[in-house]
Amino acid sequence: MLSRSRQDYLKALYELAPGGEPAATSHLARRLGVSAPSVTNMLTRLSSERLVSHTPRGGARLQTAGPYEISRNPVYAGLLVAGAAVAVLRRRPEPLVAFAALAAVLHVKSGVEEARLRDRFGDEYAVYAARTPRLIGLPRPVAVRPAISSLLGDDAG
């Protein structure tokens, strides 16, 4: 038995595209009165259950500039820094336990998200992950290609 929510999505999809043609996420979101990310999440679930065919929009780009140059997960890094500060300043064991739980959850969550990014962006993400720390740290050097080495005057390349 499908949940009420799944039934609503399937009915709205049929109403928007009765012939099975693609329906825009934004149109489905408007029809159901929900956010576009909620629609994407539900379509991913319905697709995994083989109830719909869902192809994510191809226009997404991997963000590697700004704070993403020093951390693959800058928001999580900020949460951990703030959580560590609160845990230390409180001087009690409970905040330390909460901080440890937060760190464990973010570690697992970032692993799941990175697996999806590897699937979606392939080699581009692999290169980015090789040079950029997951949370906090200094960017790692990447190998300079021989053609660039010769331009820089490095005879070893």
C-alpha atoms as a PDB file:
ATOM      1  CA  MET A   1       0.000   0.000   0.000  1.00  0.00           C
ATOM      2  CA  LEU A   2       1.406   3.379  -0.996  1.00  0.00           C
ATOM      3  CA  SER A   3       1.474   6.170   1.567  1.00  0.00           C
ATOM      4  CA  ARG A   4      -0.869   9.120   1.091  1.00  0.00           C
ATOM      5  CA  SER A   5       2.108  11.328   0.181  1.00  0.00           C
ATOM      6  CA  ARG A   6       3.329   8.921  -2.517  1.00  0.00           C
ATOM      7  CA  GLN A   7      -0.195   8.710  -3.927  1.00  0.00           C
ATOM      8  CA  ASP A   8      -0.396  12.521  -4.049  1.00  0.00           C
ATOM      9  CA  TYR A   9       2.880  12.737  -5.962  1.00  0.00           C
ATOM     10  CA  LEU A  10       1.895  10.049  -8.450  1.00  0.00           C
ATOM     11  CA  LYS A  11      -1.527  11.659  -9.016  1.00  0.00           C
ATOM     12  CA  ALA A  12       0.045  15.109  -9.542  1.00  0.00           C
ATOM     13  CA  LEU A  13       2.588  13.621 -11.962  1.00  0.00           C
ATOM     14  CA  TYR A  14      -0.190  12.011 -13.956  1.00  0.00           C
ATOM     15  CA  GLU A  15      -2.179  15.255 -14.048  1.00  0.00           C
ATOM     16  CA  LEU A  16       0.876  17.240 -15.224  1.00  0.00           C
ATOM     17  CA  ALA A  17       2.048  14.662 -17.753  1.00  0.00           C
ATOM     18  CA  PRO A  18      -0.734  12.188 -18.620  1.00  0.00           C
ATOM     19  CA  GLY A  19       1.235  10.851 -21.596  1.00  0.00           C
ATOM     20  CA  GLY A  20       4.305  10.072 -19.501  1.00  0.00           C
ATOM     21  CA  GLU A  21       6.302  13.036 -20.810  1.00  0.00           C
ATOM     22  CA  PRO A  22       8.821  14.709 -18.445  1.00  0.00           C
ATOM     23  CA  ALA A  23       7.382  17.049 -15.824  1.00  0.00           C
ATOM     24  CA  ALA A  24       9.438  19.869 -14.329  1.00  0.00           C
ATOM     25  CA  THR A  25      10.209  19.630 -10.623  1.00  0.00           C
ATOM     26  CA  SER A  26       9.148  23.258 -10.173  1.00  0.00           C
ATOM     27  CA  HIS A  27       5.720  22.552 -11.714  1.00  0.00           C
ATOM     28  CA  LEU A  28       5.215  19.556  -9.459  1.00  0.00           C
ATOM     29  CA  ALA A  29       6.297  21.603  -6.417  1.00  0.00           C
ATOM     30  CA  ARG A  30       3.767  24.333  -7.273  1.00  0.00           C
ATOM     31  CA  ARG A  31       1.000  21.796  -7.853  1.00  0.00           C
ATOM     32  CA  LEU A  32       1.619  20.115  -4.476  1.00  0.00           C
ATOM     33  CA  GLY A  33       2.509  23.274  -2.520  1.00  0.00           C
ATOM     34  CA  VAL A  34       5.909  21.959  -1.425  1.00  0.00           C
ATOM     35  CA  SER A  35       9.521  22.975  -2.024  1.00  0.00           C
ATOM     36  CA  ALA A  36      11.497  21.835  -5.064  1.00  0.00           C
ATOM     37  CA  PRO A  37      14.030  19.948  -2.866  1.00  0.00           C
ATOM     38  CA  SER A  38      11.121  18.026  -1.277  1.00  0.00           C
ATOM     39  CA  VAL A  39       9.948  17.049  -4.750  1.00  0.00           C
ATOM     40  CA  THR A  40      13.446  15.919  -5.715  1.00  0.00           C
ATOM     41  CA  ASN A  41      13.717  13.803  -2.562  1.00  0.00           C
ATOM     42  CA  MET A  42      10.358  12.133  -3.170  1.00  0.00           C
ATOM     43  CA  LEU A  43      11.098  11.537  -6.867  1.00  0.00           C
ATOM     44  CA  THR A  44      14.381   9.897  -5.894  1.00  0.00           C
ATOM     45  CA  ARG A  45      12.468   7.582  -3.537  1.00  0.00           C
ATOM     46  CA  LEU A  46       9.773   6.831  -6.096  1.00  0.00           C
ATOM     47  CA  SER A  47      12.448   6.142  -8.687  1.00  0.00           C
ATOM     48  CA  SER A  48      14.262   3.724  -6.361  1.00  0.00           C
ATOM     49  CA  GLU A  49      10.926   1.945  -5.911  1.00  0.00           C
ATOM     50  CA  ARG A  50      10.589   1.855  -9.727  1.00  0.00           C
ATOM     51  CA  LEU A  51       7.342   3.812  -9.645  1.00  0.00           C
ATOM     52  CA  VAL A  52       8.664   6.689 -11.768  1.00  0.00           C
ATOM     53  CA  SER A  53      11.619   7.427 -13.969  1.00  0.00           C
ATOM     54  CA  HIS A  54      13.555  10.387 -12.562  1.00  0.00           C
ATOM     55  CA  THR A  55      16.583  11.955 -14.214  1.00  0.00           C
ATOM     56  CA  PRO A  56      18.194  14.778 -12.226  1.00  0.00           C
ATOM     57  CA  ARG A  57      18.755  18.014 -14.088  1.00  0.00           C
ATOM     58  CA  GLY A  58      22.100  17.949 -15.845  1.00  0.00           C
ATOM     59  CA  GLY A  59      22.951  21.608 -15.340  1.00  0.00           C
ATOM     60  CA  ALA A  60      24.390  21.205 -11.840  1.00  0.00           C
ATOM     61  CA  ARG A  61      28.050  22.129 -11.410  1.00  0.00           C
ATOM     62  CA  LEU A  62      30.491  21.025  -8.734  1.00  0.00           C
ATOM     63  CA  GLN A  63      31.177  23.974  -6.417  1.00  0.00           C
ATOM     64  CA  THR A  64      34.921  24.180  -5.659  1.00  0.00           C
ATOM     65  CA  ALA A  65      35.486  27.914  -5.134  1.00  0.00           C
ATOM     66  CA  GLY A  66      35.270  30.101  -2.054  1.00  0.00           C
ATOM     67  CA  PRO A  67      35.022  28.164   1.211  1.00  0.00           C
ATOM     68  CA  TYR A  68      34.958  24.924  -0.797  1.00  0.00           C
ATOM     69  CA  GLU A  69      38.617  25.513  -1.675  1.00  0.00           C
ATOM     70  CA  ILE A  70      39.643  24.747   1.904  1.00  0.00           C
ATOM     71  CA  SER A  71      36.937  22.260   2.928  1.00  0.00           C
ATOM     72  CA  ARG A  72      34.640  19.908   1.018  1.00  0.00           C
ATOM     73  CA  ASN A  73      32.085  20.451   3.788  1.00  0.00           C
ATOM     74  CA  PRO A  74      32.569  23.996   5.142  1.00  0.00           C
ATOM     75  CA  VAL A  75      29.157  24.115   6.826  1.00  0.00           C
ATOM     76  CA  TYR A  76      29.870  20.893   8.723  1.00  0.00           C
ATOM     77  CA  ALA A  77      33.351  22.197   9.617  1.00  0.00           C
ATOM     78  CA  GLY A  78      31.793  25.356  11.043  1.00  0.00           C
ATOM     79  CA  LEU A  79      29.272  23.349  13.048  1.00  0.00           C
ATOM     80  CA  LEU A  80      32.050  21.214  14.496  1.00  0.00           C
ATOM     81  CA  VAL A  81      34.201  24.222  15.427  1.00  0.00           C
ATOM     82  CA  ALA A  82      31.235  25.913  17.120  1.00  0.00           C
ATOM     83  CA  GLY A  83      30.190  22.661  18.808  1.00  0.00           C
ATOM     84  CA  ALA A  84      33.715  22.069  20.098  1.00  0.00           C
ATOM     85  CA  ALA A  85      33.880  25.609  21.481  1.00  0.00           C
ATOM     86  CA  VAL A  86      30.567  25.214  23.300  1.00  0.00           C
ATOM     87  CA  ALA A  87      31.572  21.796  24.650  1.00  0.00           C
ATOM     88  CA  VAL A  88      34.881  23.094  25.998  1.00  0.00           C
ATOM     89  CA  LEU A  89      33.479  26.316  27.421  1.00  0.00           C
ATOM     90  CA  ARG A  90      30.618  24.555  29.230  1.00  0.00           C
ATOM     91  CA  ARG A  91      33.106  22.391  31.193  1.00  0.00           C
ATOM     92  CA  ARG A  92      30.634  19.577  31.637  1.00  0.00           C
ATOM     93  CA  PRO A  93      30.555  16.056  30.192  1.00  0.00           C
ATOM     94  CA  GLU A  94      27.137  16.376  28.513  1.00  0.00           C
ATOM     95  CA  PRO A  95      28.216  18.898  25.862  1.00  0.00           C
ATOM     96  CA  LEU A  96      31.271  16.757  25.115  1.00  0.00           C
ATOM     97  CA  VAL A  97      29.030  13.735  24.545  1.00  0.00           C
ATOM     98  CA  ALA A  98      26.708  15.816  22.352  1.00  0.00           C
ATOM     99  CA  PHE A  99      29.717  17.083  20.387  1.00  0.00           C
ATOM    100  CA  ALA A 100      30.967  13.528  19.851  1.00  0.00           C
ATOM    101  CA  ALA A 101      27.507  12.480  18.627  1.00  0.00           C
ATOM    102  CA  LEU A 102      27.363  15.467  16.263  1.00  0.00           C
ATOM    103  CA  ALA A 103      30.816  14.618  14.884  1.00  0.00           C
ATOM    104  CA  ALA A 104      29.783  10.993  14.299  1.00  0.00           C
ATOM    105  CA  VAL A 105      26.531  11.963  12.538  1.00  0.00           C
ATOM    106  CA  LEU A 106      28.296  14.506  10.300  1.00  0.00           C
ATOM    107  CA  HIS A 107      31.020  11.982   9.448  1.00  0.00           C
ATOM    108  CA  VAL A 108      28.451   9.421   8.289  1.00  0.00           C
ATOM    109  CA  LYS A 109      26.310  12.042   6.525  1.00  0.00           C
ATOM    110  CA  SER A 110      29.266  13.511   4.631  1.00  0.00           C
ATOM    111  CA  GLY A 111      30.321  10.012   3.548  1.00  0.00           C
ATOM    112  CA  VAL A 112      26.876   9.340   2.075  1.00  0.00           C
ATOM    113  CA  GLU A 113      26.805  12.724   0.356  1.00  0.00           C
ATOM    114  CA  GLU A 114      30.302  12.256  -1.064  1.00  0.00           C
ATOM    115  CA  ALA A 115      29.359   8.875  -2.530  1.00  0.00           C
ATOM    116  CA  ARG A 116      26.522  10.607  -4.388  1.00  0.00           C
ATOM    117  CA  LEU A 117      28.874  13.352  -5.570  1.00  0.00           C
ATOM    118  CA  ARG A 118      31.352  10.732  -6.864  1.00  0.00           C
ATOM    119  CA  ASP A 119      28.518   9.049  -8.767  1.00  0.00           C
ATOM    120  CA  ARG A 120      27.310  12.321 -10.250  1.00  0.00           C
ATOM    121  CA  PHE A 121      30.596  14.111 -11.033  1.00  0.00           C
ATOM    122  CA  GLY A 122      33.029  11.192 -11.444  1.00  0.00           C
ATOM    123  CA  ASP A 123      36.663  12.151 -12.071  1.00  0.00           C
ATOM    124  CA  GLU A 124      36.016  15.853 -11.487  1.00  0.00           C
ATOM    125  CA  TYR A 125      34.972  15.062  -7.905  1.00  0.00           C
ATOM    126  CA  ALA A 126      37.837  12.599  -7.414  1.00  0.00           C
ATOM    127  CA  VAL A 127      40.397  15.297  -8.313  1.00  0.00           C
ATOM    128  CA  TYR A 128      38.666  17.816  -6.058  1.00  0.00           C
ATOM    129  CA  ALA A 129      38.504  15.329  -3.147  1.00  0.00           C
ATOM    130  CA  ALA A 130      42.194  14.464  -3.585  1.00  0.00           C
ATOM    131  CA  ARG A 131      43.272  18.076  -3.071  1.00  0.00           C
ATOM    132  CA  THR A 132      40.667  19.331  -0.575  1.00  0.00           C
ATOM    133  CA  PRO A 133      40.241  18.119   3.021  1.00  0.00           C
ATOM    134  CA  ARG A 134      36.862  16.687   3.989  1.00  0.00           C
ATOM    135  CA  LEU A 135      36.390  19.057   6.917  1.00  0.00           C
ATOM    136  CA  ILE A 136      39.311  21.167   8.107  1.00  0.00           C
ATOM    137  CA  GLY A 137      42.926  21.324   7.079  1.00  0.00           C
ATOM    138  CA  LEU A 138      45.316  22.707   4.559  1.00  0.00           C
ATOM    139  CA  PRO A 139      44.677  21.991   0.889  1.00  0.00           C
ATOM    140  CA  ARG A 140      46.905  19.196  -0.380  1.00  0.00           C
ATOM    141  CA  PRO A 141      49.161  19.760  -3.361  1.00  0.00           C
ATOM    142  CA  VAL A 142      48.219  18.038  -6.586  1.00  0.00           C
ATOM    143  CA  ALA A 143      50.644  16.668  -9.131  1.00  0.00           C
ATOM    144  CA  VAL A 144      51.587  19.196 -11.777  1.00  0.00           C
ATOM    145  CA  ARG A 145      51.141  17.824 -15.272  1.00  0.00           C
ATOM    146  CA  PRO A 146      54.352  17.537 -17.355  1.00  0.00           C
ATOM    147  CA  ALA A 147      53.224  20.155 -19.878  1.00  0.00           C
ATOM    148  CA  ILE A 148      52.735  22.701 -17.121  1.00  0.00           C
ATOM    149  CA  SER A 149      56.033  21.715 -15.492  1.00  0.00           C
ATOM    150  CA  SER A 150      57.916  22.451 -18.721  1.00  0.00           C
ATOM    151  CA  LEU A 151      56.251  25.870 -18.923  1.00  0.00           C
ATOM    152  CA  LEU A 152      57.407  26.604 -15.402  1.00  0.00           C
ATOM    153  CA  GLY A 153      60.964  25.600 -16.272  1.00  0.00           C
ATOM    154  CA  ASP A 154      61.009  22.405 -14.195  1.00  0.00           C
ATOM    155  CA  ASP A 155      63.232  19.963 -16.132  1.00  0.00           C
ATOM    156  CA  ALA A 156      62.205  17.001 -13.948  1.00  0.00           C
ATOM    157  CA  GLY A 157      58.695  16.978 -15.491  1.00  0.00           C
END
